[in-house]
Amino acid sequence: MGSEIHEACGLFGVWNLPDAVELTFRGLFTLQHRGQEGAGIVSSNRERLRSHRGLGLVSEVFKSADLELLKNPISIGHVRYSTAGSPTLQNAQPILVDYWRGQVAVAHNGTLVNAQVLRREFEAAGSIFQTTSDTETIVHLIARPGFSENRAAILDSVQRIKGAFCLLILTPRELVAVRDPHGFRPLCLGTLEGSYVVASETCALDLLGAKFVREIKPGEALFIDDWGLDSRRFGEPQKQRAQCIFEKIYFARPDSRLNGESVHLFRQRLGRQLAREYPVEADVVFPVPDSGNSAAQGYALESGIPLDQGFIRNHYVGRTFIDPDAKDRGRKVNMKLNTVEEVIRGKRIVVVDDSVVRGVTTVEKIRQLREVGPKEIHLRVSCPPIRNPCFYGIDFPTKEELIANGREVHEIAKMLDVDSMGYLSVEGMLSCVPDEPMDYCHACFSGNYPVQIDPKQTKEMLEHPADLKCD
């Protein structure tokens, strides 16, 4: 079985607060949208690390007794989703090990594109792996002999890994936040009551009343201990950064700020640009909630078509895109969304969605709408067609599963049973970013990959997706 593929998981860490574990629990709860299959917390009393991990939602994994047993002033946490196969407890994070220099715990958000090469090297030398996660490769790198202390081992290790990665690394006396040189995934630093907090998204800082300080810089390892902060460069920032634009389109919460910008306002601009590129005469605009809400507002504002609610979401059903089972994704649409007949029947409707990946859930959504009896259905998508696999951590590793692969837009519209369909252009999407468009990775749309992939790992990703799961 190959190494596991990672994706947009959630990381949260607290340094030196009496209720650090409770705060980490609340931070992970805020980041639940980034992973719903497993969660874990590792804490430190400056002498030993304690761990609790489990499968399910944060509220299911942690009970009051678990948090009490973990209670310490330092902690890191992780929420996970896997892209294929059954979730297993072995792959839940943070991974905690005892080794010759002591204890270390690692939580990872991203995908290592050279994980297979490194894993084969370790296995050839006799190392034994307990998981299918590429995070365990990082643990093996840190545990190598030849380093007198943890900082040197960590800095050397993160220079050897390639791809998209944000890491939280915890030893009994130190917390380390790491972001890859391209800056694929988000990670930020905040302060709370004179101490430090690290989170994947700013919304988690906001919930705790923490003050945002800055983003962890691409190519930075930030060491946090009782003496303060120590920023180390392990890789030069790339001339072309590669922030994942799909984070802004779909994954991040709209109340977060990525690269200093409101996610909500960015999505509104996508909707406005979509209305300019694909106008249509219609009676009402409404989103596929919740990730389509902001773009639908932008479309309505630009087009002048009234905005309403045609779908009502059941908030107790998770995000269907990140469900690893395609059948479950389809079934959950019926549980997740219900239609409002008075908004739809006899009307020309514009439905705005943030993306169409496999098309499984979209087919079901359109079927629900057709049953109500609209006059016309016009589907508008606030990102370009996804035609290429992602090797940096988003859940579409093979071309074959992508509905836009090898199909023209009119063919997709026919498959989905809509009267018209419009995808935002790549140029239109990039025109909506306030900073340099070249700072974003859009390989899933354009096919331009910013980091070279190991050919053997690429082959395994494409041929054996069922063996590749995401933490």
Foldseek 3Di string as FASTA:
>chain_A
DAAFFAAQKKKKWWAFDQLRLVLQLLLNLLQCQRAFFKKKKWFAQLPAIDIFIDTGHSVVRDDPVNSVVRGHRIMMMIHGFKQFADDDRQPYDQDWDQADVGIKTKDKHKGFLCLRVLVVVCVVVPDDDDDSHSRVSLVVQQRDPDDPDRVVSNLVSLLPTDFFIWMWMDDNFKTKTAGALQRAFWKFWWDDPRIIMIIRWCVSCVVVVTGTDTTQHHQWIWMQGPVGIDIDGSDHRDPQHAHAVVCLLARPDQCTADPNHRSLVLLLLLLLLLCVVDPDDWQEEEEPPDSQHSSSNSVCVNRVHHYDHFKDFDPVQHDLQRHNDLVVSLVVLVVTIAGDLVVFAQTAYEYEYQAQFQCSNLLSVVVRSVVSHHPFYEYEYSAAQQQAADNIHHNDLERVSGLPHPDDQVVSCVVSVGPYYYYRDPVSSLVSDPDDSSSHHPCRRVVDDPDDGDVVSSVCCHPPVNSHIHD
